[in-house]
C-alpha cells in the first residue's frame, strides 16, 4: 500500500489539489466565473462542481495518508 502511495505521489497531488482550490476560489472571489448554463445542464453549476471535485481528492488522499500512518505506527501508542 505504501509503495502505491509513493509511486502515485499521493502527497504531492494532495497539496496540488489544495493549491488549485485556493487559486480557483480566489479567481471566483475576484469576479471571474465560468458561464452559467441552463438548469439541468452539465455545466449549470459554474465552478462549484470543480471545487467539490478538488475537495473530494483532498479528503480521499488525506484519508489514505492517515490510514498509512496508523498502519506504520500500530502498536507504538
N, C-alpha and C. Protein backbone atom coordinates (compact mmCIF):
# COMPACT_ATOMS: atom_id res chain seq x y z
N UNK A 1 0.83 -1.19 0.00
CA UNK A 1 0.00 0.00 0.00
C UNK A 1 0.87 1.25 0.00
N UNK A 2 1.95 1.19 0.75
CA UNK A 2 2.84 2.35 0.82
C UNK A 2 3.59 2.55 -0.49
N UNK A 3 3.94 1.47 -1.17
CA UNK A 3 4.63 1.62 -2.46
C UNK A 3 3.71 2.24 -3.51
N UNK A 4 2.43 1.91 -3.47
CA UNK A 4 1.48 2.53 -4.39
C UNK A 4 1.34 4.01 -4.07
N UNK A 5 1.29 4.33 -2.77
CA UNK A 5 1.20 5.72 -2.32
C UNK A 5 2.37 6.55 -2.85
N UNK A 6 3.57 5.97 -2.77
CA UNK A 6 4.76 6.68 -3.25
C UNK A 6 4.82 6.74 -4.76
N UNK A 7 4.44 5.64 -5.42
CA UNK A 7 4.51 5.60 -6.89
C UNK A 7 3.56 6.62 -7.52
N UNK A 8 2.38 6.79 -6.94
CA UNK A 8 1.41 7.74 -7.48
C UNK A 8 1.63 9.15 -6.96
N UNK A 9 2.61 9.33 -6.06
CA UNK A 9 2.92 10.64 -5.47
C UNK A 9 1.67 11.29 -4.87
N UNK A 10 1.00 10.54 -4.04
CA UNK A 10 -0.27 10.98 -3.46
C UNK A 10 -0.11 12.24 -2.62
N UNK A 11 0.96 12.36 -1.87
CA UNK A 11 1.17 13.55 -1.05
C UNK A 11 1.30 14.80 -1.93
N UNK A 12 1.99 14.67 -3.04
CA UNK A 12 2.14 15.78 -3.98
C UNK A 12 0.78 16.20 -4.55
N UNK A 13 -0.03 15.22 -4.98
CA UNK A 13 -1.32 15.54 -5.57
C UNK A 13 -2.28 16.12 -4.54
N UNK A 14 -2.14 15.71 -3.29
CA UNK A 14 -2.97 16.30 -2.24
C UNK A 14 -2.67 17.78 -2.09
N UNK A 15 -1.39 18.12 -2.11
CA UNK A 15 -1.00 19.53 -1.99
C UNK A 15 -1.41 20.34 -3.22
N UNK A 16 -1.27 19.72 -4.39
CA UNK A 16 -1.66 20.41 -5.63
C UNK A 16 -3.15 20.69 -5.65
N UNK A 17 -3.96 19.74 -5.19
CA UNK A 17 -5.41 19.96 -5.18
C UNK A 17 -5.78 21.12 -4.26
N UNK A 18 -5.09 21.25 -3.13
CA UNK A 18 -5.36 22.38 -2.23
C UNK A 18 -4.97 23.70 -2.89
N UNK A 19 -3.82 23.73 -3.54
CA UNK A 19 -3.38 24.97 -4.19
C UNK A 19 -4.31 25.37 -5.33
N UNK A 20 -4.74 24.40 -6.14
CA UNK A 20 -5.67 24.70 -7.23
C UNK A 20 -7.00 25.19 -6.67
N UNK A 21 -7.46 24.57 -5.59
CA UNK A 21 -8.71 25.03 -4.94
C UNK A 21 -8.60 26.48 -4.51
N UNK A 22 -7.50 26.82 -3.86
CA UNK A 22 -7.31 28.20 -3.39
C UNK A 22 -7.26 29.17 -4.56
N UNK A 23 -6.56 28.81 -5.61
CA UNK A 23 -6.46 29.70 -6.79
C UNK A 23 -7.83 29.88 -7.43
N UNK A 24 -8.57 28.79 -7.63
CA UNK A 24 -9.90 28.91 -8.24
C UNK A 24 -10.86 29.70 -7.37
N UNK A 25 -10.79 29.49 -6.07
CA UNK A 25 -11.65 30.25 -5.16
C UNK A 25 -11.30 31.73 -5.20
N UNK A 26 -10.02 32.06 -5.25
CA UNK A 26 -9.61 33.47 -5.32
C UNK A 26 -10.05 34.10 -6.64
N UNK A 27 -9.92 33.36 -7.72
CA UNK A 27 -10.37 33.88 -9.03
C UNK A 27 -11.87 34.13 -9.00
N UNK A 28 -12.62 33.24 -8.38
CA UNK A 28 -14.06 33.42 -8.28
C UNK A 28 -14.40 34.63 -7.42
N UNK A 29 -13.67 34.83 -6.33
CA UNK A 29 -13.92 35.98 -5.47
C UNK A 29 -13.61 37.30 -6.18
N UNK A 30 -12.66 37.28 -7.10
CA UNK A 30 -12.33 38.49 -7.86
C UNK A 30 -13.48 38.84 -8.81
N UNK A 31 -14.21 37.84 -9.25
CA UNK A 31 -15.36 38.09 -10.11
C UNK A 31 -15.33 37.36 -11.43
N UNK A 32 -14.29 36.60 -11.68
CA UNK A 32 -14.20 35.83 -12.92
C UNK A 32 -14.86 34.47 -12.67
N UNK A 33 -15.87 34.14 -13.47
CA UNK A 33 -16.59 32.89 -13.28
C UNK A 33 -16.75 32.16 -14.60
N UNK A 34 -17.03 30.88 -14.51
CA UNK A 34 -17.40 30.13 -15.69
C UNK A 34 -18.81 30.53 -16.09
N UNK A 35 -19.14 30.43 -17.37
CA UNK A 35 -20.51 30.77 -17.76
C UNK A 35 -21.51 29.80 -17.14
N UNK A 36 -22.62 30.34 -16.68
CA UNK A 36 -23.67 29.50 -16.09
C UNK A 36 -24.54 28.95 -17.19
N UNK A 37 -24.88 27.69 -17.10
CA UNK A 37 -25.74 27.05 -18.08
C UNK A 37 -27.19 27.08 -17.63
N UNK A 38 -28.01 26.42 -18.37
CA UNK A 38 -29.41 26.27 -18.00
C UNK A 38 -29.55 25.21 -16.93
N UNK A 39 -30.63 25.28 -16.18
CA UNK A 39 -30.88 24.33 -15.11
C UNK A 39 -30.92 22.91 -15.67
N UNK A 40 -30.13 22.01 -15.10
CA UNK A 40 -30.09 20.62 -15.51
C UNK A 40 -28.99 20.30 -16.50
N UNK A 41 -28.32 21.29 -17.04
CA UNK A 41 -27.21 21.03 -17.95
C UNK A 41 -25.98 20.61 -17.15
N UNK A 42 -25.02 20.06 -17.86
CA UNK A 42 -23.82 19.54 -17.20
C UNK A 42 -23.03 20.63 -16.51
N UNK A 43 -22.89 21.79 -17.12
CA UNK A 43 -22.10 22.87 -16.51
C UNK A 43 -22.99 23.98 -15.94
N UNK A 44 -24.13 23.59 -15.40
CA UNK A 44 -25.02 24.60 -14.84
C UNK A 44 -24.56 25.10 -13.48
N UNK A 45 -23.63 24.41 -12.85
CA UNK A 45 -23.18 24.79 -11.51
C UNK A 45 -22.02 25.75 -11.49
N UNK A 46 -21.51 26.15 -12.66
CA UNK A 46 -20.36 27.04 -12.69
C UNK A 46 -19.11 26.34 -12.19
N UNK A 47 -18.43 26.97 -11.24
CA UNK A 47 -17.16 26.44 -10.75
C UNK A 47 -17.34 25.55 -9.52
N UNK A 48 -18.53 25.51 -8.95
CA UNK A 48 -18.76 24.75 -7.73
C UNK A 48 -18.49 23.25 -7.90
N UNK A 49 -18.93 22.60 -8.98
CA UNK A 49 -18.59 21.17 -9.12
C UNK A 49 -17.09 20.91 -9.19
N UNK A 50 -16.35 21.81 -9.80
CA UNK A 50 -14.89 21.66 -9.87
C UNK A 50 -14.29 21.76 -8.46
N UNK A 51 -14.76 22.73 -7.68
CA UNK A 51 -14.28 22.87 -6.31
C UNK A 51 -14.64 21.65 -5.47
N UNK A 52 -15.84 21.11 -5.67
CA UNK A 52 -16.24 19.90 -4.94
C UNK A 52 -15.35 18.72 -5.30
N UNK A 53 -14.99 18.58 -6.57
CA UNK A 53 -14.10 17.51 -7.00
C UNK A 53 -12.73 17.65 -6.36
N UNK A 54 -12.21 18.88 -6.27
CA UNK A 54 -10.91 19.10 -5.64
C UNK A 54 -10.95 18.77 -4.14
N UNK A 55 -12.04 19.10 -3.48
CA UNK A 55 -12.19 18.75 -2.07
C UNK A 55 -12.25 17.24 -1.90
N UNK A 56 -12.94 16.56 -2.81
CA UNK A 56 -13.02 15.10 -2.73
C UNK A 56 -11.64 14.46 -2.88
N UNK A 57 -10.82 14.99 -3.79
CA UNK A 57 -9.46 14.48 -3.95
C UNK A 57 -8.66 14.69 -2.68
N UNK A 58 -8.76 15.88 -2.09
CA UNK A 58 -8.03 16.19 -0.86
C UNK A 58 -8.43 15.25 0.27
N UNK A 59 -9.72 15.03 0.43
CA UNK A 59 -10.21 14.17 1.52
C UNK A 59 -9.78 12.72 1.30
N UNK A 60 -9.90 12.24 0.07
CA UNK A 60 -9.53 10.84 -0.21
C UNK A 60 -8.04 10.61 0.03
N UNK A 61 -7.21 11.50 -0.47
CA UNK A 61 -5.76 11.32 -0.29
C UNK A 61 -5.34 11.54 1.16
N UNK A 62 -5.99 12.45 1.85
CA UNK A 62 -5.71 12.65 3.27
C UNK A 62 -6.10 11.44 4.10
N UNK A 63 -7.22 10.83 3.76
CA UNK A 63 -7.64 9.61 4.46
C UNK A 63 -6.65 8.48 4.22
N UNK A 64 -6.16 8.38 3.00
CA UNK A 64 -5.18 7.37 2.66
C UNK A 64 -3.91 7.58 3.49
N UNK A 65 -3.50 8.83 3.65
CA UNK A 65 -2.32 9.15 4.45
C UNK A 65 -2.52 8.75 5.91
N UNK A 66 -3.68 9.05 6.45
CA UNK A 66 -3.96 8.71 7.85
C UNK A 66 -3.95 7.19 8.05
N UNK A 67 -4.53 6.47 7.12
CA UNK A 67 -4.54 5.00 7.22
C UNK A 67 -3.11 4.46 7.17
N UNK A 68 -2.29 5.01 6.27
CA UNK A 68 -0.89 4.56 6.20
C UNK A 68 -0.13 4.85 7.49
N UNK A 69 -0.37 5.99 8.09
CA UNK A 69 0.30 6.33 9.36
C UNK A 69 -0.16 5.38 10.46
N UNK A 70 -1.46 5.08 10.50
CA UNK A 70 -1.96 4.13 11.51
C UNK A 70 -1.34 2.76 11.31
N UNK A 71 -1.21 2.32 10.07
CA UNK A 71 -0.61 1.00 9.81
C UNK A 71 0.87 1.00 10.18
N UNK A 72 1.57 2.06 9.81
CA UNK A 72 3.01 2.12 10.05
C UNK A 72 3.34 2.15 11.53
N UNK A 73 2.57 2.88 12.34
CA UNK A 73 2.89 3.05 13.74
C UNK A 73 1.96 2.26 14.67
N UNK A 74 1.35 1.20 14.19
CA UNK A 74 0.46 0.41 15.05
C UNK A 74 1.28 -0.23 16.17
N UNK A 75 0.72 -0.22 17.33
CA UNK A 75 1.38 -0.84 18.47
C UNK A 75 2.39 0.06 19.16
N UNK A 76 2.64 1.26 18.63
CA UNK A 76 3.59 2.15 19.26
C UNK A 76 2.93 3.18 20.16
N UNK A 77 1.62 3.11 20.28
CA UNK A 77 0.93 4.10 21.11
C UNK A 77 1.00 3.78 22.56
